[in-house]
């Protein structure tokens, strides 16, 4: 696992490049998403464990999702590529969600993700953030009983290390990497395209979570 994580971080470093543009900084985060999935698959193969997560199981989709700034811009970029009518529906969902989510701590949050479809699937599955990809559970019953995944400790540690190393690489590029809430931050970017450039220039453009987590 150690060698795999190092290869993943090396891939991200290569995507970031030496002199990163705002677009480069945003799209390089896809390496974190790809690496998160790769590490999960590796753990399943090496340990022969089985996770209970499957399409249509959405118990974790009622939890608050914390995202890193480049993930916000990456998701917003994906939404902007969708048909206009679809974008309008998503913006309407995000506006309603933002009213609910404003100022809510994790323990107080209990609302379906604005990107959850009527079929209980993820509407942004291909660009979903690290937090969602790494939230894999060994037990559906555990998710229902505790509102939290029944985690595999080895995989959880690997995902945490991957995220921390990613954050460090971005901080070395003078990027603010404090986590923020998914729906509110994506809506902010869709309404103000200048936020990407400001963030790439070292500004903090998203509000902190109520718990004031800072990296």
N, C-alpha and C. Protein backbone atom coordinates (compact mmCIF):
# COMPACT_ATOMS: atom_id res chain seq x y z
N UNK A 1 0.82 -1.21 0.00
CA UNK A 1 0.00 0.00 0.00
C UNK A 1 0.86 1.26 0.00
N UNK A 2 1.97 1.22 0.73
CA UNK A 2 2.86 2.39 0.82
C UNK A 2 3.38 2.78 -0.56
N UNK A 3 3.83 1.79 -1.34
CA UNK A 3 4.36 2.08 -2.67
C UNK A 3 3.28 2.61 -3.59
N UNK A 4 2.07 2.10 -3.45
CA UNK A 4 0.95 2.54 -4.28
C UNK A 4 0.61 4.00 -3.99
N UNK A 5 0.57 4.37 -2.72
CA UNK A 5 0.28 5.75 -2.36
C UNK A 5 1.35 6.69 -2.92
N UNK A 6 2.60 6.29 -2.83
CA UNK A 6 3.68 7.11 -3.36
C UNK A 6 3.55 7.30 -4.87
N UNK A 7 3.13 6.24 -5.58
CA UNK A 7 2.93 6.34 -7.03
C UNK A 7 1.77 7.29 -7.33
N UNK A 8 0.74 7.22 -6.51
CA UNK A 8 -0.42 8.09 -6.70
C UNK A 8 -0.05 9.55 -6.51
N UNK A 9 0.72 9.83 -5.49
CA UNK A 9 1.14 11.21 -5.21
C UNK A 9 2.08 11.71 -6.30
N UNK A 10 2.92 10.81 -6.79
CA UNK A 10 3.81 11.17 -7.89
C UNK A 10 3.01 11.55 -9.14
N UNK A 11 1.92 10.83 -9.39
CA UNK A 11 1.06 11.13 -10.54
C UNK A 11 0.41 12.50 -10.39
N UNK A 12 -0.01 12.83 -9.17
CA UNK A 12 -0.61 14.14 -8.92
C UNK A 12 0.42 15.24 -9.11
N UNK A 13 1.61 15.01 -8.60
CA UNK A 13 2.69 16.01 -8.72
C UNK A 13 2.98 16.29 -10.19
N UNK A 14 2.94 15.24 -11.01
CA UNK A 14 3.20 15.39 -12.44
C UNK A 14 2.09 16.21 -13.10
N UNK A 15 0.84 15.96 -12.70
CA UNK A 15 -0.29 16.70 -13.26
C UNK A 15 -0.26 18.17 -12.87
N UNK A 16 0.20 18.44 -11.65
CA UNK A 16 0.28 19.82 -11.18
C UNK A 16 1.31 20.62 -11.97
N UNK A 17 2.40 19.96 -12.33
CA UNK A 17 3.44 20.63 -13.09
C UNK A 17 4.26 21.59 -12.24
N UNK A 18 5.18 22.27 -12.87
CA UNK A 18 6.07 23.20 -12.16
C UNK A 18 5.41 24.56 -12.00
N UNK A 19 4.93 25.11 -13.10
CA UNK A 19 4.23 26.40 -13.07
C UNK A 19 2.77 26.14 -13.41
N UNK A 20 1.95 26.01 -12.39
CA UNK A 20 0.56 25.61 -12.58
C UNK A 20 -0.37 26.78 -12.87
N UNK A 21 -1.19 26.64 -13.90
CA UNK A 21 -2.25 27.62 -14.18
C UNK A 21 -3.45 27.25 -13.32
N UNK A 22 -4.45 28.13 -13.27
CA UNK A 22 -5.64 27.83 -12.49
C UNK A 22 -6.33 26.57 -13.02
N UNK A 23 -6.40 26.44 -14.34
CA UNK A 23 -7.03 25.26 -14.95
C UNK A 23 -6.27 24.00 -14.57
N UNK A 24 -4.96 24.09 -14.57
CA UNK A 24 -4.13 22.94 -14.23
C UNK A 24 -4.34 22.53 -12.78
N UNK A 25 -4.39 23.52 -11.90
CA UNK A 25 -4.60 23.25 -10.47
C UNK A 25 -5.95 22.56 -10.24
N UNK A 26 -6.94 22.98 -10.98
CA UNK A 26 -8.28 22.40 -10.83
C UNK A 26 -8.33 20.98 -11.37
N UNK A 27 -7.87 20.79 -12.58
CA UNK A 27 -8.02 19.48 -13.22
C UNK A 27 -7.05 18.43 -12.68
N UNK A 28 -5.99 18.89 -12.04
CA UNK A 28 -5.05 17.93 -11.44
C UNK A 28 -5.69 17.15 -10.30
N UNK A 29 -6.75 17.71 -9.70
CA UNK A 29 -7.38 17.02 -8.58
C UNK A 29 -8.02 15.71 -9.01
N UNK A 30 -8.21 15.53 -10.30
CA UNK A 30 -8.74 14.25 -10.79
C UNK A 30 -7.81 13.10 -10.39
N UNK A 31 -6.54 13.41 -10.18
CA UNK A 31 -5.59 12.38 -9.75
C UNK A 31 -5.93 11.88 -8.35
N UNK A 32 -6.41 12.76 -7.49
CA UNK A 32 -6.84 12.35 -6.15
C UNK A 32 -8.03 11.41 -6.25
N UNK A 33 -8.98 11.76 -7.09
CA UNK A 33 -10.18 10.94 -7.24
C UNK A 33 -9.85 9.56 -7.82
N UNK A 34 -9.02 9.56 -8.85
CA UNK A 34 -8.62 8.29 -9.46
C UNK A 34 -7.82 7.44 -8.48
N UNK A 35 -6.95 8.08 -7.72
CA UNK A 35 -6.11 7.35 -6.76
C UNK A 35 -6.93 6.79 -5.61
N UNK A 36 -7.95 7.52 -5.20
CA UNK A 36 -8.83 7.03 -4.13
C UNK A 36 -9.49 5.72 -4.56
N UNK A 37 -10.00 5.70 -5.78
CA UNK A 37 -10.63 4.48 -6.30
C UNK A 37 -9.61 3.35 -6.45
N UNK A 38 -8.43 3.70 -6.93
CA UNK A 38 -7.38 2.70 -7.15
C UNK A 38 -6.97 2.04 -5.84
N UNK A 39 -6.81 2.83 -4.82
CA UNK A 39 -6.42 2.30 -3.51
C UNK A 39 -7.51 1.39 -2.94
N UNK A 40 -8.76 1.78 -3.13
CA UNK A 40 -9.87 0.93 -2.67
C UNK A 40 -9.85 -0.42 -3.38
N UNK A 41 -9.68 -0.39 -4.69
CA UNK A 41 -9.65 -1.64 -5.46
C UNK A 41 -8.46 -2.51 -5.05
N UNK A 42 -7.34 -1.87 -4.79
CA UNK A 42 -6.15 -2.60 -4.36
C UNK A 42 -6.39 -3.29 -3.03
N UNK A 43 -7.03 -2.60 -2.11
CA UNK A 43 -7.32 -3.17 -0.80
C UNK A 43 -8.27 -4.37 -0.90
N UNK A 44 -9.27 -4.26 -1.76
CA UNK A 44 -10.21 -5.36 -1.97
C UNK A 44 -9.49 -6.58 -2.52
N UNK A 45 -8.59 -6.35 -3.47
CA UNK A 45 -7.87 -7.45 -4.10
C UNK A 45 -6.90 -8.12 -3.14
N UNK A 46 -6.16 -7.32 -2.38
CA UNK A 46 -5.12 -7.88 -1.51
C UNK A 46 -5.69 -8.56 -0.26
N UNK A 47 -6.88 -8.11 0.19
CA UNK A 47 -7.42 -8.63 1.45
C UNK A 47 -8.64 -9.53 1.25
N UNK A 48 -9.19 -9.51 0.02
CA UNK A 48 -10.38 -10.30 -0.29
C UNK A 48 -11.58 -9.92 0.57
N UNK A 49 -11.65 -8.65 1.00
CA UNK A 49 -12.81 -8.20 1.75
C UNK A 49 -13.89 -7.72 0.78
N UNK A 50 -15.11 -7.62 1.27
CA UNK A 50 -16.23 -7.19 0.43
C UNK A 50 -16.92 -6.00 1.08
N UNK A 51 -17.04 -4.93 0.33
CA UNK A 51 -17.76 -3.77 0.83
C UNK A 51 -19.23 -3.87 0.44
N UNK A 52 -20.08 -3.33 1.29
CA UNK A 52 -21.52 -3.46 1.09
C UNK A 52 -22.09 -2.40 0.14
N UNK A 53 -21.30 -1.40 -0.20
CA UNK A 53 -21.76 -0.30 -1.04
C UNK A 53 -22.13 -0.80 -2.45
N UNK A 54 -23.26 -0.32 -2.96
CA UNK A 54 -23.69 -0.69 -4.31
C UNK A 54 -24.60 0.40 -4.86
N UNK A 55 -24.83 0.36 -6.16
CA UNK A 55 -25.67 1.35 -6.82
C UNK A 55 -27.07 1.34 -6.21
N UNK A 56 -27.57 2.53 -5.87
CA UNK A 56 -28.90 2.63 -5.28
C UNK A 56 -28.91 2.65 -3.77
N UNK A 57 -27.76 2.35 -3.15
CA UNK A 57 -27.64 2.43 -1.70
C UNK A 57 -27.16 3.85 -1.37
N UNK A 58 -27.99 4.62 -0.71
CA UNK A 58 -27.68 6.04 -0.55
C UNK A 58 -27.76 6.52 0.89
N UNK A 59 -27.51 5.63 1.85
CA UNK A 59 -27.59 6.02 3.26
C UNK A 59 -26.59 7.14 3.58
N UNK A 60 -25.41 7.08 3.00
CA UNK A 60 -24.38 8.09 3.28
C UNK A 60 -24.66 9.40 2.56
N UNK A 61 -25.62 9.41 1.65
CA UNK A 61 -25.91 10.61 0.86
C UNK A 61 -26.79 11.60 1.60
N UNK A 62 -27.03 11.34 2.89
CA UNK A 62 -27.74 12.29 3.74
C UNK A 62 -26.79 12.91 4.76
N UNK A 63 -25.50 12.69 4.57
CA UNK A 63 -24.49 13.27 5.44
C UNK A 63 -23.93 14.53 4.79
N UNK A 64 -23.41 15.44 5.61
CA UNK A 64 -22.75 16.62 5.05
C UNK A 64 -21.46 16.20 4.37
N UNK A 65 -21.22 16.74 3.20
CA UNK A 65 -20.00 16.39 2.46
C UNK A 65 -19.01 17.55 2.50
N UNK A 66 -17.84 17.27 3.04
CA UNK A 66 -16.77 18.27 3.04
C UNK A 66 -15.87 18.04 1.83
N UNK A 67 -15.56 19.11 1.13
CA UNK A 67 -14.75 19.00 -0.08
C UNK A 67 -13.57 19.96 -0.02
N UNK A 68 -12.55 19.65 -0.79
CA UNK A 68 -11.40 20.53 -0.92
C UNK A 68 -11.65 21.52 -2.06
N UNK A 69 -11.12 22.73 -1.98
CA UNK A 69 -11.39 23.76 -3.00
C UNK A 69 -11.21 23.29 -4.45
N UNK A 70 -10.11 22.61 -4.83
CA UNK A 70 -10.01 22.22 -6.24
C UNK A 70 -11.11 21.24 -6.66
N UNK A 71 -11.62 20.46 -5.72
CA UNK A 71 -12.73 19.56 -6.04
C UNK A 71 -13.99 20.36 -6.37
N UNK A 72 -14.19 21.46 -5.66
CA UNK A 72 -15.34 22.33 -5.92
C UNK A 72 -15.31 22.83 -7.36
N UNK A 73 -14.16 23.37 -7.76
CA UNK A 73 -14.03 23.91 -9.12
C UNK A 73 -14.15 22.81 -10.17
N UNK A 74 -13.63 21.64 -9.87
CA UNK A 74 -13.68 20.51 -10.81
C UNK A 74 -15.14 20.08 -11.02
N UNK A 75 -15.89 20.00 -9.96
CA UNK A 75 -17.30 19.62 -10.05
C UNK A 75 -18.09 20.70 -10.80
N UNK A 76 -17.82 21.96 -10.47
CA UNK A 76 -18.51 23.07 -11.15
C UNK A 76 -18.21 23.07 -12.64
N UNK A 77 -16.98 22.76 -13.01
CA UNK A 77 -16.60 22.68 -14.42
C UNK A 77 -17.40 21.59 -15.14
N UNK A 78 -17.59 20.47 -14.46
CA UNK A 78 -18.39 19.38 -15.03
C UNK A 78 -19.83 19.82 -15.23
N UNK A 79 -20.39 20.50 -14.24
CA UNK A 79 -21.79 20.95 -14.34
C UNK A 79 -21.96 21.92 -15.51
N UNK A 80 -20.97 22.78 -15.71
CA UNK A 80 -21.06 23.76 -16.81
C UNK A 80 -21.04 23.09 -18.18
N UNK A 81 -20.59 21.83 -18.24
CA UNK A 81 -20.55 21.10 -19.52
C UNK A 81 -21.88 20.41 -19.82
N UNK A 82 -22.80 20.43 -18.89
CA UNK A 82 -24.09 19.75 -19.05
C UNK A 82 -25.06 20.63 -19.83
N UNK A 83 -26.12 20.05 -20.39
CA UNK A 83 -27.14 20.85 -21.09
C UNK A 83 -27.71 21.93 -20.17
N UNK A 84 -28.08 23.06 -20.74
CA UNK A 84 -28.53 24.21 -19.97
C UNK A 84 -29.72 23.88 -19.07
N UNK A 85 -30.64 23.10 -19.57
CA UNK A 85 -31.82 22.75 -18.78
C UNK A 85 -31.43 21.95 -17.53
N UNK A 86 -30.46 21.06 -17.70
CA UNK A 86 -29.98 20.26 -16.57
C UNK A 86 -29.27 21.15 -15.56
N UNK A 87 -28.49 22.08 -16.06
CA UNK A 87 -27.79 23.02 -15.18
C UNK A 87 -28.78 23.81 -14.33
N UNK A 88 -29.86 24.24 -14.94
CA UNK A 88 -30.85 25.04 -14.24
C UNK A 88 -31.50 24.26 -13.10
N UNK A 89 -31.76 22.98 -13.35
CA UNK A 89 -32.34 22.12 -12.31
C UNK A 89 -31.36 21.98 -11.15
N UNK A 90 -30.08 21.76 -11.47
CA UNK A 90 -29.08 21.59 -10.43
C UNK A 90 -28.90 22.86 -9.61
N UNK A 91 -28.90 24.00 -10.27
CA UNK A 91 -28.75 25.27 -9.57
C UNK A 91 -29.92 25.49 -8.62
N UNK A 92 -31.12 25.15 -9.07
CA UNK A 92 -32.31 25.29 -8.21
C UNK A 92 -32.18 24.39 -6.98
N UNK A 93 -31.69 23.15 -7.19
CA UNK A 93 -31.48 22.23 -6.06
C UNK A 93 -30.42 22.77 -5.11
N UNK A 94 -29.36 23.32 -5.68
CA UNK A 94 -28.27 23.85 -4.86
C UNK A 94 -28.71 25.07 -4.05
N UNK A 95 -29.55 25.89 -4.63
CA UNK A 95 -30.03 27.07 -3.91
C UNK A 95 -30.86 26.67 -2.69
N UNK A 96 -31.73 25.68 -2.87
CA UNK A 96 -32.55 25.20 -1.76
C UNK A 96 -31.66 24.52 -0.71
N UNK A 97 -30.70 23.76 -1.18
CA UNK A 97 -29.78 23.07 -0.28
C UNK A 97 -28.96 24.05 0.54
N UNK A 98 -28.50 25.11 -0.09
CA UNK A 98 -27.64 26.08 0.59
C UNK A 98 -28.35 26.78 1.74
N UNK A 99 -29.63 27.02 1.58
CA UNK A 99 -30.41 27.63 2.66
C UNK A 99 -30.42 26.69 3.87
N UNK A 100 -30.60 25.40 3.59
CA UNK A 100 -30.63 24.41 4.68
C UNK A 100 -29.26 24.25 5.33
N UNK A 101 -28.22 24.12 4.51
CA UNK A 101 -26.89 23.73 5.00
C UNK A 101 -26.12 24.85 5.69
N UNK A 102 -26.50 26.09 5.45
CA UNK A 102 -25.74 27.22 5.99
C UNK A 102 -25.61 27.14 7.51
N UNK A 103 -24.35 27.07 7.97
CA UNK A 103 -24.07 27.07 9.40
C UNK A 103 -24.29 25.76 10.14
N UNK A 104 -24.63 24.70 9.42
CA UNK A 104 -24.92 23.43 10.08
C UNK A 104 -23.65 22.60 10.31
N UNK A 105 -23.46 22.16 11.54
CA UNK A 105 -22.36 21.26 11.87
C UNK A 105 -22.70 19.86 11.35
N UNK A 106 -21.69 19.02 11.25
CA UNK A 106 -21.88 17.66 10.72
C UNK A 106 -22.95 16.90 11.50
N UNK A 107 -22.92 17.01 12.83
CA UNK A 107 -23.84 16.23 13.67
C UNK A 107 -25.28 16.68 13.52
N UNK A 108 -25.50 17.90 13.03
CA UNK A 108 -26.86 18.42 12.89
C UNK A 108 -27.42 18.26 11.48
N UNK A 109 -26.58 17.83 10.56
CA UNK A 109 -26.98 17.76 9.15
C UNK A 109 -27.68 16.43 8.85
N UNK A 110 -28.83 16.51 8.19
CA UNK A 110 -29.54 15.29 7.78
C UNK A 110 -30.46 15.61 6.61
N UNK A 111 -29.88 15.70 5.44
CA UNK A 111 -30.64 16.06 4.24
C UNK A 111 -29.99 15.41 3.02
N UNK A 112 -30.80 14.99 2.08
CA UNK A 112 -30.27 14.36 0.87
C UNK A 112 -29.36 15.32 0.11
N UNK A 113 -28.28 14.79 -0.41
CA UNK A 113 -27.34 15.57 -1.22
C UNK A 113 -28.09 16.20 -2.39
N UNK A 114 -27.78 17.44 -2.74
CA UNK A 114 -28.46 18.09 -3.87
C UNK A 114 -28.18 17.40 -5.21
N UNK A 115 -27.18 16.53 -5.24
CA UNK A 115 -26.85 15.82 -6.47
C UNK A 115 -27.41 14.39 -6.49
N UNK A 116 -28.16 14.01 -5.46
CA UNK A 116 -28.76 12.69 -5.42
C UNK A 116 -29.98 12.67 -6.33
N UNK A 117 -30.04 11.69 -7.23
CA UNK A 117 -31.14 11.61 -8.19
C UNK A 117 -32.35 10.90 -7.58
N UNK A 118 -33.47 10.93 -8.30
CA UNK A 118 -34.69 10.26 -7.86
C UNK A 118 -34.50 8.75 -7.80
N UNK A 119 -33.50 8.24 -8.52
CA UNK A 119 -33.20 6.81 -8.52
C UNK A 119 -32.19 6.43 -7.44
N UNK A 120 -31.90 7.36 -6.54
CA UNK A 120 -30.93 7.16 -5.45
C UNK A 120 -29.54 6.88 -5.99
N UNK A 121 -29.17 7.56 -7.06
CA UNK A 121 -27.83 7.46 -7.62
C UNK A 121 -27.19 8.84 -7.60
N UNK A 122 -25.87 8.87 -7.76
CA UNK A 122 -25.14 10.13 -7.73
C UNK A 122 -25.18 10.82 -9.08
N UNK A 123 -25.67 12.05 -9.11
CA UNK A 123 -25.77 12.80 -10.35
C UNK A 123 -24.46 13.35 -10.86
N UNK A 124 -23.42 13.29 -10.02
CA UNK A 124 -22.09 13.74 -10.45
C UNK A 124 -21.08 12.62 -10.20
N UNK A 125 -21.50 11.41 -10.41
CA UNK A 125 -20.70 10.23 -10.03
C UNK A 125 -19.28 10.27 -10.58
N UNK A 126 -19.12 10.66 -11.82
CA UNK A 126 -17.78 10.63 -12.43
C UNK A 126 -16.82 11.63 -11.81
N UNK A 127 -17.35 12.68 -11.17
CA UNK A 127 -16.49 13.71 -10.56
C UNK A 127 -16.75 13.85 -9.06
N UNK A 128 -17.42 12.88 -8.47
CA UNK A 128 -17.72 12.96 -7.04
C UNK A 128 -16.42 13.11 -6.24
N UNK A 129 -16.50 13.82 -5.11
CA UNK A 129 -15.28 14.13 -4.35
C UNK A 129 -14.67 12.95 -3.60
N UNK A 130 -13.44 13.16 -3.14
CA UNK A 130 -12.71 12.15 -2.38
C UNK A 130 -13.51 11.67 -1.18
N UNK A 131 -14.18 12.57 -0.50
CA UNK A 131 -14.93 12.22 0.71
C UNK A 131 -15.98 11.16 0.41
N UNK A 132 -16.64 11.27 -0.72
CA UNK A 132 -17.66 10.30 -1.10
C UNK A 132 -17.02 8.99 -1.55
N UNK A 133 -15.95 9.08 -2.32
CA UNK A 133 -15.28 7.88 -2.82
C UNK A 133 -14.65 7.06 -1.70
N UNK A 134 -14.19 7.72 -0.67
CA UNK A 134 -13.49 7.02 0.42
C UNK A 134 -14.44 6.52 1.50
N UNK A 135 -15.71 6.92 1.43
CA UNK A 135 -16.68 6.54 2.45
C UNK A 135 -17.32 5.19 2.10
N UNK A 136 -16.51 4.15 2.13
CA UNK A 136 -16.98 2.81 1.80
C UNK A 136 -17.19 2.02 3.09
N UNK A 137 -18.25 1.21 3.11
CA UNK A 137 -18.65 0.54 4.35
C UNK A 137 -18.71 -0.98 4.19
N UNK A 138 -18.34 -1.66 5.25
CA UNK A 138 -18.41 -3.12 5.28
C UNK A 138 -19.81 -3.61 5.63
N UNK A 139 -20.68 -2.69 6.06
CA UNK A 139 -22.00 -3.11 6.54
C UNK A 139 -23.05 -2.05 6.29
N UNK A 140 -24.13 -2.40 5.60
CA UNK A 140 -25.25 -1.49 5.41
C UNK A 140 -25.92 -1.22 6.74
N UNK A 141 -26.05 -2.26 7.54
CA UNK A 141 -26.68 -2.12 8.85
C UNK A 141 -25.95 -1.09 9.72
N UNK A 142 -24.62 -1.09 9.60
CA UNK A 142 -23.82 -0.12 10.34
C UNK A 142 -24.12 1.31 9.90
N UNK A 143 -24.28 1.50 8.60
CA UNK A 143 -24.60 2.83 8.07
C UNK A 143 -25.95 3.31 8.59
N UNK A 144 -26.91 2.39 8.65
CA UNK A 144 -28.25 2.74 9.11
C UNK A 144 -28.25 3.05 10.60
N UNK A 145 -27.54 2.25 11.37
CA UNK A 145 -27.55 2.38 12.83
C UNK A 145 -26.78 3.59 13.32
N UNK A 146 -25.66 3.90 12.68
CA UNK A 146 -24.78 4.95 13.22
C UNK A 146 -24.63 6.17 12.31
N UNK A 147 -25.21 6.13 11.12
CA UNK A 147 -25.05 7.17 10.11
C UNK A 147 -23.58 7.32 9.72
N UNK A 148 -22.82 6.28 9.89
CA UNK A 148 -21.40 6.30 9.52
C UNK A 148 -20.98 4.96 8.96
N UNK A 149 -20.00 4.97 8.09
CA UNK A 149 -19.52 3.73 7.47
C UNK A 149 -18.84 2.83 8.50
N UNK A 150 -19.02 1.52 8.32
CA UNK A 150 -18.25 0.54 9.08
C UNK A 150 -16.95 0.36 8.30
N UNK A 151 -15.90 1.03 8.76
CA UNK A 151 -14.69 1.18 7.95
C UNK A 151 -13.71 0.02 8.10
N UNK A 152 -12.94 -0.17 7.05
CA UNK A 152 -11.76 -1.03 7.12
C UNK A 152 -10.62 -0.11 7.53
N UNK A 153 -9.99 -0.38 8.67
CA UNK A 153 -9.00 0.54 9.24
C UNK A 153 -7.80 0.77 8.32
N UNK A 154 -7.36 -0.27 7.63
CA UNK A 154 -6.21 -0.15 6.74
C UNK A 154 -6.53 0.78 5.57
N UNK A 155 -7.69 0.57 4.98
CA UNK A 155 -8.09 1.41 3.85
C UNK A 155 -8.33 2.84 4.29
N UNK A 156 -8.95 3.01 5.43
CA UNK A 156 -9.21 4.35 5.94
C UNK A 156 -7.92 5.13 6.16
N UNK A 157 -6.93 4.47 6.73
CA UNK A 157 -5.62 5.11 6.96
C UNK A 157 -4.96 5.50 5.64
N UNK A 158 -5.09 4.64 4.64
CA UNK A 158 -4.50 4.91 3.33
C UNK A 158 -5.17 6.11 2.67
N UNK A 159 -6.49 6.19 2.76
CA UNK A 159 -7.22 7.31 2.19
C UNK A 159 -6.87 8.62 2.89
N UNK A 160 -6.72 8.58 4.19
CA UNK A 160 -6.36 9.79 4.94
C UNK A 160 -4.97 10.27 4.54
N UNK A 161 -4.04 9.33 4.42
CA UNK A 161 -2.67 9.70 4.01
C UNK A 161 -2.66 10.30 2.61
N UNK A 162 -3.42 9.70 1.70
CA UNK A 162 -3.50 10.20 0.34
C UNK A 162 -4.02 11.63 0.32
N UNK A 163 -5.07 11.88 1.09
CA UNK A 163 -5.66 13.22 1.13
C UNK A 163 -4.68 14.24 1.73
N UNK A 164 -4.00 13.85 2.80
CA UNK A 164 -3.06 14.77 3.44
C UNK A 164 -1.89 15.10 2.53
N UNK A 165 -1.37 14.10 1.84
CA UNK A 165 -0.26 14.35 0.92
C UNK A 165 -0.70 15.25 -0.24
N UNK A 166 -1.94 15.05 -0.69
CA UNK A 166 -2.50 15.90 -1.75
C UNK A 166 -2.61 17.34 -1.28
N UNK A 167 -3.13 17.53 -0.09
CA UNK A 167 -3.27 18.87 0.49
C UNK A 167 -1.90 19.55 0.58
N UNK A 168 -0.90 18.82 1.01
CA UNK A 168 0.45 19.39 1.13
C UNK A 168 0.99 19.84 -0.22
N UNK A 169 0.74 19.06 -1.27
CA UNK A 169 1.22 19.43 -2.60
C UNK A 169 0.57 20.74 -3.06
N UNK A 170 -0.71 20.87 -2.82
CA UNK A 170 -1.40 22.10 -3.21
C UNK A 170 -0.96 23.29 -2.36
N UNK A 171 -0.74 23.06 -1.07
CA UNK A 171 -0.28 24.14 -0.22
C UNK A 171 1.09 24.63 -0.67
N UNK A 172 1.90 23.74 -1.20
CA UNK A 172 3.21 24.13 -1.74
C UNK A 172 3.06 25.03 -2.97
N UNK A 173 1.86 25.00 -3.56
CA UNK A 173 1.55 25.88 -4.70
C UNK A 173 0.85 27.16 -4.23
N UNK A 174 0.87 27.37 -2.92
CA UNK A 174 0.25 28.56 -2.31
C UNK A 174 -1.27 28.56 -2.43
N UNK A 175 -1.87 27.37 -2.45
CA UNK A 175 -3.32 27.25 -2.55
C UNK A 175 -3.92 27.03 -1.16
N UNK A 176 -5.00 27.75 -0.86
CA UNK A 176 -5.74 27.53 0.37
C UNK A 176 -6.52 26.22 0.22
N UNK A 177 -6.38 25.33 1.20
CA UNK A 177 -6.99 23.99 1.09
C UNK A 177 -7.91 23.65 2.26
N UNK A 178 -8.47 24.67 2.93
CA UNK A 178 -9.41 24.39 4.01
C UNK A 178 -10.67 23.74 3.43
N UNK A 179 -11.18 22.69 4.06
CA UNK A 179 -12.39 22.04 3.54
C UNK A 179 -13.61 22.94 3.67
N UNK A 180 -14.56 22.75 2.77
CA UNK A 180 -15.78 23.55 2.75
C UNK A 180 -16.96 22.63 2.43
N UNK A 181 -18.17 23.14 2.54
CA UNK A 181 -19.35 22.31 2.31
C UNK A 181 -19.67 22.24 0.81
N UNK A 182 -19.99 21.05 0.34
CA UNK A 182 -20.15 20.78 -1.09
C UNK A 182 -21.15 21.70 -1.79
N UNK A 183 -22.40 21.65 -1.39
CA UNK A 183 -23.44 22.35 -2.13
C UNK A 183 -23.27 23.86 -2.17
N UNK A 184 -22.98 24.45 -1.03
CA UNK A 184 -22.84 25.91 -0.97
C UNK A 184 -21.67 26.40 -1.81
N UNK A 185 -20.57 25.67 -1.78
CA UNK A 185 -19.37 26.11 -2.50
C UNK A 185 -19.52 25.94 -4.01
N UNK A 186 -20.14 24.84 -4.44
CA UNK A 186 -20.36 24.65 -5.88
C UNK A 186 -21.29 25.73 -6.42
N UNK A 187 -22.33 26.04 -5.68
CA UNK A 187 -23.25 27.10 -6.10
C UNK A 187 -22.52 28.44 -6.22
N UNK A 188 -21.63 28.72 -5.27
CA UNK A 188 -20.87 29.98 -5.30
C UNK A 188 -20.05 30.09 -6.58
N UNK A 189 -19.42 28.99 -7.00
CA UNK A 189 -18.59 29.01 -8.21
C UNK A 189 -19.45 29.16 -9.46
N UNK A 190 -20.60 28.50 -9.49
CA UNK A 190 -21.48 28.61 -10.65
C UNK A 190 -21.99 30.03 -10.83
N UNK A 191 -22.06 30.78 -9.75
CA UNK A 191 -22.56 32.16 -9.81
C UNK A 191 -21.44 33.19 -9.92
N UNK A 192 -20.20 32.78 -9.68
CA UNK A 192 -19.08 33.73 -9.73
C UNK A 192 -17.83 33.02 -10.27
N UNK A 193 -17.61 33.13 -11.56
CA UNK A 193 -16.49 32.43 -12.20
C UNK A 193 -15.14 32.99 -11.79
N UNK A 194 -15.11 34.18 -11.22
CA UNK A 194 -13.83 34.79 -10.82
C UNK A 194 -13.19 34.08 -9.62
N UNK A 195 -13.97 33.27 -8.92
CA UNK A 195 -13.45 32.61 -7.71
C UNK A 195 -12.28 31.68 -8.03
N UNK A 196 -12.30 31.06 -9.20
CA UNK A 196 -11.22 30.13 -9.55
C UNK A 196 -9.87 30.84 -9.62
N UNK A 197 -9.83 31.97 -10.30
CA UNK A 197 -8.58 32.73 -10.43
C UNK A 197 -8.13 33.24 -9.07
N UNK A 198 -9.07 33.73 -8.28
CA UNK A 198 -8.73 34.24 -6.95
C UNK A 198 -8.11 33.14 -6.09
N UNK A 199 -8.73 31.95 -6.14
CA UNK A 199 -8.19 30.83 -5.36
C UNK A 199 -6.80 30.44 -5.85
N UNK A 200 -6.62 30.37 -7.17
CA UNK A 200 -5.32 29.99 -7.74
C UNK A 200 -4.24 31.00 -7.37
N UNK A 201 -4.65 32.23 -7.07
CA UNK A 201 -3.70 33.27 -6.67
C UNK A 201 -3.49 33.33 -5.16
N UNK A 202 -4.01 32.32 -4.45
CA UNK A 202 -3.72 32.20 -3.03
C UNK A 202 -4.78 32.74 -2.09
N UNK A 203 -5.94 33.16 -2.62
CA UNK A 203 -7.00 33.70 -1.76
C UNK A 203 -7.87 32.58 -1.19
N UNK A 204 -8.47 32.84 -0.04
CA UNK A 204 -9.47 31.95 0.51
C UNK A 204 -10.83 32.43 0.01
N UNK A 205 -11.49 31.63 -0.80
CA UNK A 205 -12.72 32.08 -1.45
C UNK A 205 -13.97 31.39 -0.92
N UNK A 206 -13.80 30.36 -0.10
CA UNK A 206 -14.95 29.65 0.46
C UNK A 206 -14.99 29.80 1.98
N UNK A 207 -16.20 29.80 2.52
CA UNK A 207 -16.34 29.89 3.96
C UNK A 207 -15.90 28.60 4.63
N UNK A 208 -15.39 28.73 5.85
CA UNK A 208 -15.00 27.55 6.61
C UNK A 208 -16.23 26.79 7.08
N UNK A 209 -16.05 25.52 7.36
CA UNK A 209 -17.11 24.73 7.98
C UNK A 209 -17.37 25.28 9.39
N UNK A 210 -18.55 25.07 9.94
CA UNK A 210 -18.84 25.56 11.31
C UNK A 210 -17.83 25.09 12.33
N UNK A 211 -17.24 23.89 12.10
CA UNK A 211 -16.25 23.37 13.04
C UNK A 211 -14.87 24.04 12.88
N UNK A 212 -14.73 24.90 11.88
CA UNK A 212 -13.50 25.67 11.63
C UNK A 212 -12.29 24.78 11.34
N UNK A 213 -12.50 23.69 10.61
CA UNK A 213 -11.36 22.84 10.22
C UNK A 213 -10.48 23.61 9.25
N UNK A 214 -9.17 23.60 9.52
CA UNK A 214 -8.23 24.29 8.65
C UNK A 214 -7.00 23.42 8.41
N UNK A 215 -6.56 23.35 7.16
CA UNK A 215 -5.38 22.57 6.80
C UNK A 215 -4.25 23.51 6.38
